[in-house]
Amino acid sequence: MFKFLKGMFSKMNKEAEAVSDDAISDESGKEIKESKLDEMLWNLEVGLMESDVAVEVIEVLKSQLKAELLGKRVKRSADFQQAVDHAIKSSLQKVLEASPLNFDDYIEKHEKPVVLMFVGVNGTGKTTAIAKIAHRLMSKKRTVVLAAGDTFRAGAIEQLTIHSEKLGAKIIKHQAGADSAAVAYDAIEHAKARHKDVVLIDTAGRMQTNANLMDEMKKVKRIAQPDMVVFVGDSLAGNDAVEQARKFNEAVGIDAVILTKIDADAKGGAALSIAHAVGKPIIFVSTGQEYGEFAVFDAKWMIDRIFE
């Protein structure tokens, strides 16, 4: 993830030398000139736009970088490069660590059963992400109930059923075409009666522009009253994923984000953009197809990887 920044940073280091060489100098060092700093930030903007980072996120990053670097005094170009390094890391981390949430602690401390509702468009890997969450919870000795709330597609019910059999998790399902809210309700009632820890509700993958399906999702939330609504986004979708996250947040309110296909994401713009667009934490990233290929999102670790 974020491979795109490595090449960009190398280029910016060269620009940093030019900026520091053309700075205003006195005995305390050289003060960075605004005109040269703006030139470097423009190149950063172009690189981020090519990497599918949303425009408003770019403006925030540029503003933070300018505030930190403008007027800074340096004695050597190497000092300026170090300042740029620190400023970029700091700005990226501020965006990626919006409203941090420790998922495991949340599940541990919350009244049981904890009800999680998963939303997102078709093809993002939502059902697989639910199975991975179930696997994680069960590995920590938590009991799980799966709710096959995507009743619009028989294949979705079958897919979640296969996961339930592999995991050994209880699944509540109705026939294709049934009321999604009724499935969620039955799953929650089952969990209460059997003293289960967590209910994971799948919902029909729907485009954010489909008003009827979005209304159906609102009904599921109204009936289920989930403790957490999790948006599952495709990290390869770029700005489309950002728009999807916004629309789902407006419709039902998003509490957390899971990003899939991170292993295939050469740009990383989606993580930056979604974190800023909805102001909610990215809690997990999916790094492959296997249940264990699922990691807690760690902004600092990812940023450190960029600058290794």
Protein backbone atom coordinates (compact mmCIF):
# COMPACT_ATOMS: atom_id res chain seq x y z
CA MET A 1 0.00 0.00 0.00
CA PHE A 2 1.08 3.60 -0.71
CA LYS A 3 3.81 2.52 -3.14
CA PHE A 4 2.95 5.62 -5.14
CA LEU A 5 4.36 7.88 -2.40
CA LYS A 6 7.82 6.32 -2.48
CA GLY A 7 8.64 7.60 -5.96
CA MET A 8 6.92 10.88 -5.26
CA PHE A 9 8.91 11.42 -2.08
CA SER A 10 12.18 10.73 -3.89
CA LYS A 11 11.27 13.40 -6.43
CA MET A 12 10.25 15.83 -3.70
CA ASN A 13 13.57 15.34 -1.94
CA LYS A 14 15.29 16.65 -5.07
CA GLU A 15 12.87 19.56 -5.14
CA ALA A 16 13.55 20.16 -1.46
CA GLU A 17 17.20 20.79 -2.25
CA ALA A 18 16.18 23.41 -4.81
CA VAL A 19 13.75 25.00 -2.36
CA SER A 20 16.30 25.22 0.41
CA ASP A 21 18.98 26.54 -1.94
CA ASP A 22 16.65 29.35 -2.97
CA ALA A 23 15.66 30.24 0.59
CA ILE A 24 16.12 33.54 2.40
CA SER A 25 19.31 33.25 4.43
CA ASP A 26 20.73 34.80 7.60
CA GLU A 27 22.93 33.63 10.45
CA SER A 28 20.17 31.42 11.89
CA GLY A 29 19.74 29.55 8.62
CA LYS A 30 17.66 29.81 5.48
CA GLU A 31 13.98 30.66 5.63
CA ILE A 32 11.89 28.80 3.06
CA LYS A 33 10.39 31.08 0.41
CA GLU A 34 6.65 30.67 -0.22
CA SER A 35 6.99 30.68 -4.01
CA LYS A 36 9.30 27.66 -4.02
CA LEU A 37 7.28 25.84 -1.39
CA ASP A 38 4.14 26.33 -3.49
CA GLU A 39 5.93 24.79 -6.46
CA MET A 40 6.81 21.68 -4.47
CA LEU A 41 3.26 21.41 -3.09
CA TRP A 42 1.86 21.63 -6.61
CA ASN A 43 3.92 18.62 -7.63
CA LEU A 44 2.65 16.81 -4.54
CA GLU A 45 -0.92 17.67 -5.54
CA VAL A 46 -0.45 16.25 -9.03
CA GLY A 47 1.01 13.02 -7.66
CA LEU A 48 -1.84 12.58 -5.17
CA MET A 49 -4.48 13.26 -7.82
CA GLU A 50 -2.91 10.60 -10.04
CA SER A 51 -3.23 8.24 -7.07
CA ASP A 52 -6.99 8.75 -6.69
CA VAL A 53 -6.76 10.86 -3.55
CA ALA A 54 -9.84 13.08 -3.21
CA VAL A 55 -9.33 16.80 -3.89
CA GLU A 56 -10.49 17.90 -0.43
CA VAL A 57 -7.97 15.54 1.16
CA ILE A 58 -5.19 16.94 -0.99
CA GLU A 59 -6.09 20.47 0.12
CA VAL A 60 -5.95 19.43 3.78
CA LEU A 61 -2.54 17.80 3.31
CA LYS A 62 -1.17 20.81 1.43
CA SER A 63 -2.46 23.18 4.09
CA GLN A 64 -0.89 21.15 6.90
CA LEU A 65 2.42 20.88 5.07
CA LYS A 66 2.53 24.57 4.27
CA ALA A 67 1.75 25.53 7.86
CA GLU A 68 4.56 23.33 9.12
CA LEU A 69 7.21 24.26 6.52
CA LEU A 70 6.60 27.91 5.60
CA GLY A 71 9.05 30.17 7.39
CA LYS A 72 11.03 27.23 8.76
CA ARG A 73 14.76 27.93 8.92
CA VAL A 74 17.26 25.33 7.82
CA LYS A 75 21.03 25.43 7.50
CA ARG A 76 21.44 22.62 5.00
CA SER A 77 19.33 21.10 2.23
CA ALA A 78 19.49 17.82 4.17
CA ASP A 79 17.76 19.53 7.10
CA PHE A 80 14.98 20.65 4.81
CA GLN A 81 14.55 17.16 3.40
CA GLN A 82 14.22 15.86 6.96
CA ALA A 83 11.59 18.51 7.69
CA VAL A 84 9.64 17.52 4.58
CA ASP A 85 9.83 13.84 5.61
CA HIS A 86 8.48 14.61 9.07
CA ALA A 87 5.76 16.95 7.77
CA ILE A 88 4.42 14.42 5.24
CA LYS A 89 4.39 11.59 7.79
CA SER A 90 2.61 13.78 10.32
CA SER A 91 -0.01 14.98 7.83
CA LEU A 92 -0.75 11.49 6.52
CA GLN A 93 -1.10 10.13 10.04
CA LYS A 94 -3.55 12.86 11.05
CA VAL A 95 -5.82 11.95 8.12
CA LEU A 96 -5.57 8.19 8.60
CA GLU A 97 -6.12 8.21 12.35
CA ALA A 98 -9.49 9.98 12.36
CA SER A 99 -11.50 8.86 15.40
CA PRO A 100 -9.42 5.76 16.27
CA LEU A 101 -11.34 2.66 17.39
CA ASN A 102 -10.00 -0.51 18.96
CA PHE A 103 -12.42 -3.13 17.65
CA ASP A 104 -11.41 -5.89 20.05
CA ASP A 105 -11.81 -3.61 23.08
CA TYR A 106 -15.19 -2.46 21.77
CA ILE A 107 -16.47 -6.03 21.52
CA GLU A 108 -15.00 -6.91 24.92
CA LYS A 109 -16.66 -4.06 26.80
CA HIS A 110 -19.99 -3.77 24.97
CA GLU A 111 -23.21 -5.32 26.24
CA LYS A 112 -23.94 -8.64 24.52
CA PRO A 113 -25.03 -9.45 21.96
CA VAL A 114 -23.10 -6.85 19.98
CA VAL A 115 -24.90 -6.24 16.68
CA LEU A 116 -22.81 -5.27 13.65
CA MET A 117 -24.43 -4.34 10.33
CA PHE A 118 -22.33 -4.42 7.15
CA VAL A 119 -23.10 -2.19 4.16
CA GLY A 120 -21.51 -1.53 0.78
CA VAL A 121 -21.96 -1.99 -2.96
CA ASN A 122 -21.77 -5.25 -4.88
CA GLY A 123 -18.33 -6.65 -5.55
CA THR A 124 -16.44 -5.08 -2.67
CA GLY A 125 -15.91 -8.36 -0.80
CA LYS A 126 -18.44 -7.56 1.92
CA THR A 127 -19.58 -11.13 2.60
CA THR A 128 -15.99 -12.37 2.75
CA ALA A 129 -15.12 -9.52 5.14
CA ILE A 130 -17.98 -10.64 7.39
CA ALA A 131 -16.60 -14.17 7.39
CA LYS A 132 -13.16 -12.84 8.29
CA ILE A 133 -14.60 -10.85 11.19
CA ALA A 134 -16.40 -14.01 12.35
CA HIS A 135 -13.15 -15.98 12.13
CA ARG A 136 -11.32 -13.33 14.16
CA LEU A 137 -14.03 -13.25 16.83
CA MET A 138 -14.25 -17.04 17.08
CA SER A 139 -10.47 -17.31 17.40
CA LYS A 140 -10.88 -15.11 20.50
CA LYS A 141 -13.52 -17.49 21.91
CA ARG A 142 -16.47 -15.29 20.96
CA THR A 143 -19.73 -16.88 19.84
CA VAL A 144 -21.10 -15.57 16.56
CA VAL A 145 -24.41 -15.56 14.70
CA LEU A 146 -24.44 -14.74 10.99
CA ALA A 147 -27.53 -13.11 9.49
CA ALA A 148 -27.99 -13.67 5.73
CA GLY A 149 -29.70 -10.35 5.15
CA ASP A 150 -28.82 -10.15 1.47
CA THR A 151 -32.08 -11.78 0.40
CA PHE A 152 -32.05 -10.16 -3.03
CA ARG A 153 -29.56 -12.71 -4.31
CA ALA A 154 -29.85 -16.43 -3.64
CA GLY A 155 -26.13 -16.67 -4.34
CA ALA A 156 -25.36 -14.33 -1.44
CA ILE A 157 -27.29 -16.55 0.99
CA GLU A 158 -25.45 -19.58 -0.33
CA GLN A 159 -22.08 -17.86 -0.06
CA LEU A 160 -22.62 -16.89 3.58
CA THR A 161 -23.94 -20.40 4.31
CA ILE A 162 -20.71 -21.91 2.97
CA HIS A 163 -18.69 -19.59 5.21
CA SER A 164 -20.83 -20.54 8.22
CA GLU A 165 -20.16 -24.23 7.58
CA LYS A 166 -16.42 -23.70 7.23
CA LEU A 167 -16.28 -21.62 10.38
CA GLY A 168 -18.75 -23.65 12.41
CA ALA A 169 -20.84 -20.55 13.04
CA LYS A 170 -24.62 -20.39 13.40
CA ILE A 171 -26.43 -18.77 10.47
CA ILE A 172 -29.97 -17.40 10.35
CA LYS A 173 -31.42 -17.26 6.84
CA HIS A 174 -34.74 -17.07 5.01
CA GLN A 175 -35.63 -17.79 1.41
CA ALA A 176 -34.43 -15.53 -1.37
CA GLY A 177 -36.72 -12.53 -1.68
CA ALA A 178 -37.65 -12.54 2.01
CA ASP A 179 -37.70 -9.41 4.17
CA SER A 180 -34.10 -8.52 5.04
CA ALA A 181 -35.17 -6.79 8.25
CA ALA A 182 -36.97 -9.96 9.38
CA VAL A 183 -33.76 -11.98 8.95
CA ALA A 184 -31.85 -9.45 11.05
CA TYR A 185 -34.55 -9.50 13.73
CA ASP A 186 -34.59 -13.31 13.92
CA ALA A 187 -30.79 -13.45 14.17
CA ILE A 188 -30.75 -10.97 17.05
CA GLU A 189 -33.54 -12.79 18.89
CA HIS A 190 -31.67 -16.08 18.43
CA ALA A 191 -28.50 -14.51 19.82
CA LYS A 192 -30.35 -13.17 22.85
CA ALA A 193 -32.04 -16.51 23.55
CA ARG A 194 -28.81 -18.51 23.17
CA HIS A 195 -26.60 -15.91 24.90
CA LYS A 196 -24.38 -15.39 21.86
CA ASP A 197 -21.77 -12.65 21.84
CA VAL A 198 -21.96 -11.06 18.39
CA VAL A 199 -24.45 -10.84 15.50
CA LEU A 200 -23.03 -10.06 12.04
CA ILE A 201 -25.70 -8.83 9.61
CA ASP A 202 -25.05 -9.02 5.89
CA THR A 203 -27.09 -6.65 3.71
CA ALA A 204 -27.73 -6.57 -0.01
CA GLY A 205 -24.91 -4.95 -1.93
CA ARG A 206 -26.47 -1.89 -3.44
CA MET A 207 -25.36 1.10 -5.43
CA GLN A 208 -25.57 4.29 -3.43
CA THR A 209 -27.77 5.77 -6.18
CA ASN A 210 -30.55 3.14 -5.82
CA ALA A 211 -33.11 4.92 -3.64
CA ASN A 212 -35.38 1.90 -3.12
CA LEU A 213 -32.58 -0.34 -1.93
CA MET A 214 -31.17 2.39 0.28
CA ASP A 215 -34.61 2.75 1.88
CA GLU A 216 -34.65 -1.01 2.48
CA MET A 217 -31.28 -0.73 4.20
CA LYS A 218 -32.64 2.05 6.42
CA LYS A 219 -35.45 -0.32 7.41
CA VAL A 220 -32.95 -3.02 8.36
CA LYS A 221 -31.13 -0.53 10.56
CA ARG A 222 -34.37 0.66 12.14
CA ILE A 223 -35.38 -2.90 13.04
CA ALA A 224 -31.94 -4.23 14.01
CA GLN A 225 -30.72 -1.10 15.80
CA PRO A 226 -27.09 -2.17 15.30
CA ASP A 227 -24.39 -1.09 17.69
CA MET A 228 -22.05 -0.49 14.77
CA VAL A 229 -22.55 0.06 11.04
CA VAL A 230 -19.49 -1.02 9.07
CA PHE A 231 -18.89 0.18 5.51
CA VAL A 232 -16.90 -2.26 3.38
CA GLY A 233 -15.08 -0.44 0.58
CA ASP A 234 -12.95 -1.59 -2.33
CA SER A 235 -9.55 0.08 -2.09
CA LEU A 236 -9.19 -0.20 -5.88
CA ALA A 237 -12.33 1.88 -6.49
CA GLY A 238 -10.55 5.19 -5.83
CA ASN A 239 -12.86 8.20 -5.75
CA ASP A 240 -15.89 5.97 -6.41
CA ALA A 241 -15.32 4.37 -3.01
CA VAL A 242 -15.22 7.82 -1.42
CA GLU A 243 -18.56 8.78 -2.96
CA GLN A 244 -20.06 5.45 -1.87
CA ALA A 245 -18.86 5.98 1.70
CA ARG A 246 -20.38 9.46 1.77
CA LYS A 247 -23.77 8.28 0.51
CA PHE A 248 -23.96 5.35 2.92
CA ASN A 249 -22.92 7.64 5.76
CA GLU A 250 -25.72 10.06 4.85
CA ALA A 251 -28.27 7.24 4.59
CA VAL A 252 -27.59 5.14 7.66
CA GLY A 253 -24.51 6.54 9.36
CA ILE A 254 -21.16 4.76 9.21
CA ASP A 255 -19.28 3.95 12.40
CA ALA A 256 -16.26 2.17 10.94
CA VAL A 257 -14.65 1.13 7.65
CA ILE A 258 -13.09 -2.06 6.32
CA LEU A 259 -11.00 -1.78 3.16
CA THR A 260 -10.66 -4.81 0.91
CA LYS A 261 -8.14 -5.72 -1.81
CA ILE A 262 -5.36 -3.78 -0.11
CA ASP A 263 -2.90 -6.38 -1.41
CA ALA A 264 -3.71 -5.29 -4.98
CA ASP A 265 -3.79 -1.56 -4.22
CA ALA A 266 -0.74 0.14 -5.73
CA LYS A 267 -1.99 3.67 -5.02
CA GLY A 268 -3.52 3.83 -1.56
CA GLY A 269 -5.70 6.84 -2.30
CA ALA A 270 -8.87 5.20 -1.02
CA ALA A 271 -7.62 4.87 2.56
CA LEU A 272 -6.65 8.54 2.75
CA SER A 273 -9.81 9.74 1.04
CA ILE A 274 -12.38 7.61 2.87
CA ALA A 275 -10.84 8.32 6.28
CA HIS A 276 -11.17 12.05 5.62
CA ALA A 277 -14.53 11.96 3.79
CA VAL A 278 -16.53 10.27 6.57
CA GLY A 279 -14.30 11.04 9.54
CA LYS A 280 -14.64 7.47 10.78
CA PRO A 281 -11.91 4.94 11.60
CA ILE A 282 -10.60 2.29 9.24
CA ILE A 283 -10.58 -0.73 11.53
CA PHE A 284 -9.38 -3.56 9.26
CA VAL A 285 -7.81 -4.15 5.86
CA SER A 286 -8.25 -7.31 3.85
CA THR A 287 -4.99 -8.52 2.34
CA GLY A 288 -6.07 -11.71 0.56
CA GLN A 289 -8.76 -14.35 0.25
CA GLU A 290 -7.95 -16.50 3.28
CA TYR A 291 -9.63 -15.85 6.63
CA GLY A 292 -6.32 -15.01 8.26
CA GLU A 293 -5.40 -12.48 5.59
CA PHE A 294 -7.06 -9.72 7.54
CA ALA A 295 -5.19 -7.11 9.56
CA VAL A 296 -5.91 -4.34 12.02
CA PHE A 297 -5.41 -1.02 10.25
CA ASP A 298 -2.31 0.65 11.66
CA ALA A 299 -1.64 4.06 10.14
CA LYS A 300 1.82 4.48 11.66
CA TRP A 301 2.99 1.06 10.52
CA MET A 302 1.81 1.74 6.98
CA ILE A 303 3.41 5.17 6.85
CA ASP A 304 6.68 3.81 8.21
CA ARG A 305 6.68 1.27 5.37
CA ILE A 306 6.64 4.14 2.87
CA PHE A 307 9.84 5.62 4.21
CA GLU A 308 11.83 2.44 4.86
